[in-house]
Amino acid sequence: MGKPHKKKDQEGDGALGGGASESYERSDDSISRNSTQEGPTLTDIMQAITATREALEAKMDTLATDMGILRDDHRRLTERVTTIERETAEIPPSLQTMKESLNRMETKITTLENRAEDAENRSRRNNIRLIGVPERTEQGRMEDYLENWIGTVVAPERLSPFFALERAHRVPTRPPKPGTPPRPIVAKQLHRH
């Protein structure tokens, strides 16, 4: 745009009264300069401004949408963290209960193991282990054979009148190879009260 310049009034004392009056006019040479120089016109500049504004508005809309998505994600994450914190706060009391229950169970298991070992040891007290009895000497039931055999080896007055065998077998149950020593016999005494 052209610069206004002062032009002296041609009439001298002029219409404004005494002295010379000044008026501002637009210089015609500035308008002609725009039309002859190569550069953006006012229309080009306005179009560029409008395009930039529209691009900025589109980016602002995209940013607003992204911010909305981020807010929703943040809200969901906050809810999840709150839920996890609440559930985590409930865990310690239940863990304590589980620890107490586990301790009780371990104590009970130890007691039961001791009882089982004691019962096994007591049941073995009534076992008789015979070594060196030749293979296949027993005819029929092993229990009957051993009761007769023990009655001949041990004096009858030393045996209880209630002496009887509950069961008897050779260990291991598979027959040995020829030339190997005979298998031991394990017999369990019948316990009568």
C-alpha atoms as a PDB file:
ATOM      1  CA  MET A   1       0.000   0.000   0.000  1.00  0.00           C
ATOM      2  CA  GLY A   2       1.191   3.370  -0.748  1.00  0.00           C
ATOM      3  CA  LYS A   3       2.262   5.917   1.765  1.00  0.00           C
ATOM      4  CA  PRO A   4       0.131   9.026   2.098  1.00  0.00           C
ATOM      5  CA  HIS A   5       1.989  12.201   1.530  1.00  0.00           C
ATOM      6  CA  LYS A   6       1.194  15.758   2.281  1.00  0.00           C
ATOM      7  CA  LYS A   7      -0.054  17.965  -0.520  1.00  0.00           C
ATOM      8  CA  LYS A   8      -0.271  21.655  -0.021  1.00  0.00           C
ATOM      9  CA  ASP A   9      -3.569  23.283  -0.752  1.00  0.00           C
ATOM     10  CA  GLN A  10      -3.437  25.171  -4.051  1.00  0.00           C
ATOM     11  CA  GLU A  11      -5.646  28.005  -2.867  1.00  0.00           C
ATOM     12  CA  GLY A  12      -3.291  29.501  -0.384  1.00  0.00           C
ATOM     13  CA  ASP A  13      -5.336  30.484   2.573  1.00  0.00           C
ATOM     14  CA  GLY A  14      -7.940  27.839   1.566  1.00  0.00           C
ATOM     15  CA  ALA A  15     -11.315  26.948   2.873  1.00  0.00           C
ATOM     16  CA  LEU A  16     -10.171  26.088   6.344  1.00  0.00           C
ATOM     17  CA  GLY A  17      -9.318  29.504   7.234  1.00  0.00           C
ATOM     18  CA  GLY A  18      -5.988  31.094   7.766  1.00  0.00           C
ATOM     19  CA  GLY A  19      -2.725  29.483   6.770  1.00  0.00           C
ATOM     20  CA  ALA A  20      -2.022  26.663   4.404  1.00  0.00           C
ATOM     21  CA  SER A  21      -4.108  23.491   4.929  1.00  0.00           C
ATOM     22  CA  GLU A  22      -2.779  20.020   4.388  1.00  0.00           C
ATOM     23  CA  SER A  23      -4.612  16.941   3.136  1.00  0.00           C
ATOM     24  CA  TYR A  24      -3.486  13.354   2.806  1.00  0.00           C
ATOM     25  CA  GLU A  25      -3.744  11.555  -0.483  1.00  0.00           C
ATOM     26  CA  ARG A  26      -2.845   8.142  -1.577  1.00  0.00           C
ATOM     27  CA  SER A  27       0.051   7.971  -3.889  1.00  0.00           C
ATOM     28  CA  ASP A  28      -0.871   6.663  -7.324  1.00  0.00           C
ATOM     29  CA  ASP A  29       2.629   5.433  -7.955  1.00  0.00           C
ATOM     30  CA  SER A  30       2.310   2.779  -5.144  1.00  0.00           C
ATOM     31  CA  ILE A  31      -0.744   1.205  -6.859  1.00  0.00           C
ATOM     32  CA  SER A  32       0.991   1.134 -10.167  1.00  0.00           C
ATOM     33  CA  ARG A  33       4.057  -0.413  -8.533  1.00  0.00           C
ATOM     34  CA  ASN A  34       1.965  -3.457  -7.322  1.00  0.00           C
ATOM     35  CA  SER A  35       0.611  -4.100 -10.762  1.00  0.00           C
ATOM     36  CA  THR A  36       4.006  -3.939 -12.425  1.00  0.00           C
ATOM     37  CA  GLN A  37       6.077  -5.869  -9.824  1.00  0.00           C
ATOM     38  CA  GLU A  38       6.042  -9.669  -9.725  1.00  0.00           C
ATOM     39  CA  GLY A  39       4.838 -10.889  -6.314  1.00  0.00           C
ATOM     40  CA  PRO A  40       1.748 -12.103  -4.513  1.00  0.00           C
ATOM     41  CA  THR A  41      -1.347 -10.099  -4.914  1.00  0.00           C
ATOM     42  CA  LEU A  42      -3.721  -9.280  -2.135  1.00  0.00           C
ATOM     43  CA  THR A  43      -6.024 -12.054  -3.316  1.00  0.00           C
ATOM     44  CA  ASP A  44      -3.161 -14.557  -3.241  1.00  0.00           C
ATOM     45  CA  ILE A  45      -2.274 -13.556   0.306  1.00  0.00           C
ATOM     46  CA  MET A  46      -5.890 -13.813   1.458  1.00  0.00           C
ATOM     47  CA  GLN A  47      -6.193 -17.274  -0.114  1.00  0.00           C
ATOM     48  CA  ALA A  48      -2.984 -18.396   1.618  1.00  0.00           C
ATOM     49  CA  ILE A  49      -4.236 -17.111   4.965  1.00  0.00           C
ATOM     50  CA  THR A  50      -7.587 -18.845   4.476  1.00  0.00           C
ATOM     51  CA  ALA A  51      -5.902 -22.146   3.509  1.00  0.00           C
ATOM     52  CA  THR A  52      -3.583 -21.948   6.521  1.00  0.00           C
ATOM     53  CA  ARG A  53      -6.504 -21.201   8.817  1.00  0.00           C
ATOM     54  CA  GLU A  54      -8.492 -24.174   7.457  1.00  0.00           C
ATOM     55  CA  ALA A  55      -5.482 -26.481   7.854  1.00  0.00           C
ATOM     56  CA  LEU A  56      -4.981 -25.284  11.427  1.00  0.00           C
ATOM     57  CA  GLU A  57      -8.683 -25.800  12.198  1.00  0.00           C
ATOM     58  CA  ALA A  58      -8.508 -29.372  10.802  1.00  0.00           C
ATOM     59  CA  LYS A  59      -5.432 -30.104  12.924  1.00  0.00           C
ATOM     60  CA  MET A  60      -7.135 -28.626  15.969  1.00  0.00           C
ATOM     61  CA  ASP A  61     -10.158 -30.884  15.336  1.00  0.00           C
ATOM     62  CA  THR A  62      -7.825 -33.899  15.082  1.00  0.00           C
ATOM     63  CA  LEU A  63      -6.063 -32.863  18.285  1.00  0.00           C
ATOM     64  CA  ALA A  64      -9.401 -32.439  20.058  1.00  0.00           C
ATOM     65  CA  THR A  65     -10.463 -35.935  18.942  1.00  0.00           C
ATOM     66  CA  ASP A  66      -7.121 -37.406  20.053  1.00  0.00           C
ATOM     67  CA  MET A  67      -7.423 -35.638  23.406  1.00  0.00           C
ATOM     68  CA  GLY A  68     -10.903 -37.138  23.854  1.00  0.00           C
ATOM     69  CA  ILE A  69      -9.537 -40.616  23.141  1.00  0.00           C
ATOM     70  CA  LEU A  70      -6.661 -40.027  25.564  1.00  0.00           C
ATOM     71  CA  ARG A  71      -9.110 -38.876  28.250  1.00  0.00           C
ATOM     72  CA  ASP A  72     -11.193 -42.045  27.774  1.00  0.00           C
ATOM     73  CA  ASP A  73      -8.072 -44.224  27.918  1.00  0.00           C
ATOM     74  CA  HIS A  74      -6.912 -42.401  31.051  1.00  0.00           C
ATOM     75  CA  ARG A  75     -10.330 -42.851  32.664  1.00  0.00           C
ATOM     76  CA  ARG A  76     -10.349 -46.601  31.861  1.00  0.00           C
ATOM     77  CA  LEU A  77      -6.802 -47.037  33.163  1.00  0.00           C
ATOM     78  CA  THR A  78      -7.672 -45.149  36.336  1.00  0.00           C
ATOM     79  CA  GLU A  79     -10.660 -47.459  36.866  1.00  0.00           C
ATOM     80  CA  ARG A  80      -8.495 -50.557  36.319  1.00  0.00           C
ATOM     81  CA  VAL A  81      -5.811 -49.322  38.713  1.00  0.00           C
ATOM     82  CA  THR A  82      -8.467 -48.527  41.319  1.00  0.00           C
ATOM     83  CA  THR A  83      -9.955 -52.021  40.932  1.00  0.00           C
ATOM     84  CA  ILE A  84      -6.529 -53.659  41.205  1.00  0.00           C
ATOM     85  CA  GLU A  85      -5.659 -51.578  44.279  1.00  0.00           C
ATOM     86  CA  ARG A  86      -8.967 -52.552  45.903  1.00  0.00           C
ATOM     87  CA  GLU A  87      -8.427 -56.249  45.159  1.00  0.00           C
ATOM     88  CA  THR A  88      -4.811 -56.043  46.320  1.00  0.00           C
ATOM     89  CA  ALA A  89      -5.928 -54.484  49.590  1.00  0.00           C
ATOM     90  CA  GLU A  90      -8.226 -57.489  50.139  1.00  0.00           C
ATOM     91  CA  ILE A  91      -5.429 -60.027  49.529  1.00  0.00           C
ATOM     92  CA  PRO A  92      -3.375 -59.643  52.751  1.00  0.00           C
ATOM     93  CA  PRO A  93      -6.200 -60.739  55.105  1.00  0.00           C
ATOM     94  CA  SER A  94      -6.989 -63.722  52.893  1.00  0.00           C
ATOM     95  CA  LEU A  95      -3.287 -64.567  52.655  1.00  0.00           C
ATOM     96  CA  GLN A  96      -3.051 -64.524  56.423  1.00  0.00           C
ATOM     97  CA  THR A  97      -6.036 -66.875  56.602  1.00  0.00           C
ATOM     98  CA  MET A  98      -4.388 -69.154  54.044  1.00  0.00           C
ATOM     99  CA  LYS A  99      -1.108 -69.163  55.985  1.00  0.00           C
ATOM    100  CA  GLU A 100      -2.926 -70.109  59.195  1.00  0.00           C
ATOM    101  CA  SER A 101      -4.822 -72.851  57.370  1.00  0.00           C
ATOM    102  CA  LEU A 102      -1.600 -74.130  55.801  1.00  0.00           C
ATOM    103  CA  ASN A 103       0.110 -74.220  59.208  1.00  0.00           C
ATOM    104  CA  ARG A 104      -2.808 -76.213  60.661  1.00  0.00           C
ATOM    105  CA  MET A 105      -2.668 -78.637  57.733  1.00  0.00           C
ATOM    106  CA  GLU A 106       1.100 -79.077  58.060  1.00  0.00           C
ATOM    107  CA  THR A 107       0.696 -79.828  61.767  1.00  0.00           C
ATOM    108  CA  LYS A 108      -2.065 -82.326  61.024  1.00  0.00           C
ATOM    109  CA  ILE A 109      -0.019 -83.984  58.258  1.00  0.00           C
ATOM    110  CA  THR A 110       2.955 -84.320  60.608  1.00  0.00           C
ATOM    111  CA  THR A 111       0.710 -85.867  63.255  1.00  0.00           C
ATOM    112  CA  LEU A 112      -0.800 -88.286  60.734  1.00  0.00           C
ATOM    113  CA  GLU A 113       2.640 -89.245  59.385  1.00  0.00           C
ATOM    114  CA  ASN A 114       3.807 -89.989  62.928  1.00  0.00           C
ATOM    115  CA  ARG A 115       0.683 -92.078  63.592  1.00  0.00           C
ATOM    116  CA  ALA A 116       1.108 -93.984  60.311  1.00  0.00           C
ATOM    117  CA  GLU A 117       4.763 -94.694  61.095  1.00  0.00           C
ATOM    118  CA  ASP A 118       3.841 -95.822  64.598  1.00  0.00           C
ATOM    119  CA  ALA A 119       1.075 -98.099  63.254  1.00  0.00           C
ATOM    120  CA  GLU A 120       3.461 -99.550  60.675  1.00  0.00           C
ATOM    121  CA  ASN A 121       6.112-100.157  63.325  1.00  0.00           C
ATOM    122  CA  ARG A 122       3.567-101.782  65.648  1.00  0.00           C
ATOM    123  CA  SER A 123       2.297-104.011  62.845  1.00  0.00           C
ATOM    124  CA  ARG A 124       5.862-105.086  62.077  1.00  0.00           C
ATOM    125  CA  ARG A 125       6.371-106.157  65.671  1.00  0.00           C
ATOM    126  CA  ASN A 126       4.150-109.108  64.913  1.00  0.00           C
ATOM    127  CA  ASN A 127       6.135-110.055  61.797  1.00  0.00           C
ATOM    128  CA  ILE A 128       8.438-113.070  61.702  1.00  0.00           C
ATOM    129  CA  ARG A 129      11.197-113.205  59.103  1.00  0.00           C
ATOM    130  CA  LEU A 130      12.566-116.672  58.348  1.00  0.00           C
ATOM    131  CA  ILE A 131      15.767-117.001  56.337  1.00  0.00           C
ATOM    132  CA  GLY A 132      17.169-120.187  54.813  1.00  0.00           C
ATOM    133  CA  VAL A 133      13.940-122.205  54.503  1.00  0.00           C
ATOM    134  CA  PRO A 134      14.434-124.250  51.291  1.00  0.00           C
ATOM    135  CA  GLU A 135      12.281-123.312  48.289  1.00  0.00           C
ATOM    136  CA  ARG A 136       9.142-125.388  47.571  1.00  0.00           C
ATOM    137  CA  THR A 137       9.141-127.162  50.923  1.00  0.00           C
ATOM    138  CA  GLU A 138       5.748-125.725  51.765  1.00  0.00           C
ATOM    139  CA  GLN A 139       2.858-127.839  50.500  1.00  0.00           C
ATOM    140  CA  GLY A 140      -0.437-125.966  50.201  1.00  0.00           C
ATOM    141  CA  ARG A 141      -0.905-122.769  52.198  1.00  0.00           C
ATOM    142  CA  MET A 142       2.259-121.100  53.499  1.00  0.00           C
ATOM    143  CA  GLU A 143       0.497-120.143  56.776  1.00  0.00           C
ATOM    144  CA  ASP A 144      -0.404-123.792  57.610  1.00  0.00           C
ATOM    145  CA  TYR A 145       3.114-125.000  56.748  1.00  0.00           C
ATOM    146  CA  LEU A 146       4.762-122.377  58.980  1.00  0.00           C
ATOM    147  CA  GLU A 147       2.430-122.982  61.941  1.00  0.00           C
ATOM    148  CA  ASN A 148       3.362-126.709  61.830  1.00  0.00           C
ATOM    149  CA  TRP A 149       7.041-125.983  61.269  1.00  0.00           C
ATOM    150  CA  ILE A 150       7.236-123.436  64.130  1.00  0.00           C
ATOM    151  CA  GLY A 151       5.405-125.909  66.396  1.00  0.00           C
ATOM    152  CA  THR A 152       8.152-128.494  65.758  1.00  0.00           C
ATOM    153  CA  VAL A 153      11.078-126.078  66.134  1.00  0.00           C
ATOM    154  CA  VAL A 154       9.844-124.217  69.242  1.00  0.00           C
ATOM    155  CA  ALA A 155       8.777-126.108  72.341  1.00  0.00           C
ATOM    156  CA  PRO A 156       4.960-126.221  72.466  1.00  0.00           C
ATOM    157  CA  GLU A 157       4.888-124.903  76.067  1.00  0.00           C
ATOM    158  CA  ARG A 158       6.677-121.742  74.919  1.00  0.00           C
ATOM    159  CA  LEU A 159       4.022-120.942  72.313  1.00  0.00           C
ATOM    160  CA  SER A 160       0.845-119.142  73.245  1.00  0.00           C
ATOM    161  CA  PRO A 161      -2.332-121.116  72.787  1.00  0.00           C
ATOM    162  CA  PHE A 162      -3.525-118.198  70.653  1.00  0.00           C
ATOM    163  CA  PHE A 163      -0.548-118.406  68.298  1.00  0.00           C
ATOM    164  CA  ALA A 164      -1.677-118.249  64.667  1.00  0.00           C
ATOM    165  CA  LEU A 165      -0.400-116.646  61.488  1.00  0.00           C
ATOM    166  CA  GLU A 166      -2.507-114.093  59.657  1.00  0.00           C
ATOM    167  CA  ARG A 167      -0.545-114.315  56.427  1.00  0.00           C
ATOM    168  CA  ALA A 168       2.831-115.470  55.107  1.00  0.00           C
ATOM    169  CA  HIS A 169       4.726-115.175  51.814  1.00  0.00           C
ATOM    170  CA  ARG A 170       8.195-115.190  50.333  1.00  0.00           C
ATOM    171  CA  VAL A 171       9.934-111.916  49.488  1.00  0.00           C
ATOM    172  CA  PRO A 172      10.317-111.126  46.601  1.00  0.00           C
ATOM    173  CA  THR A 173       7.414-113.017  45.143  1.00  0.00           C
ATOM    174  CA  ARG A 174       9.193-113.941  41.888  1.00  0.00           C
ATOM    175  CA  PRO A 175      10.967-117.337  42.086  1.00  0.00           C
ATOM    176  CA  PRO A 176      14.766-117.132  42.228  1.00  0.00           C
ATOM    177  CA  LYS A 177      17.138-118.359  39.540  1.00  0.00           C
ATOM    178  CA  PRO A 178      18.609-121.821  40.053  1.00  0.00           C
ATOM    179  CA  GLY A 179      21.687-121.835  42.281  1.00  0.00           C
ATOM    180  CA  THR A 180      20.711-118.726  44.283  1.00  0.00           C
ATOM    181  CA  PRO A 181      19.881-118.861  48.016  1.00  0.00           C
ATOM    182  CA  PRO A 182      16.221-119.370  48.989  1.00  0.00           C
ATOM    183  CA  ARG A 183      14.011-116.326  49.393  1.00  0.00           C
ATOM    184  CA  PRO A 184      13.181-115.159  52.932  1.00  0.00           C
ATOM    185  CA  ILE A 185       9.691-115.820  54.286  1.00  0.00           C
ATOM    186  CA  VAL A 186       7.778-113.012  56.030  1.00  0.00           C
ATOM    187  CA  ALA A 187       4.875-114.096  58.248  1.00  0.00           C
ATOM    188  CA  LYS A 188       2.522-111.862  60.216  1.00  0.00           C
ATOM    189  CA  GLN A 189       1.248-113.140  63.543  1.00  0.00           C
ATOM    190  CA  LEU A 190      -2.444-112.874  64.108  1.00  0.00           C
ATOM    191  CA  HIS A 191      -2.965-110.422  66.951  1.00  0.00           C
ATOM    192  CA  ARG A 192      -5.687-111.578  69.299  1.00  0.00           C
ATOM    193  CA  HIS A 193      -6.694-109.654  72.377  1.00  0.00           C
END
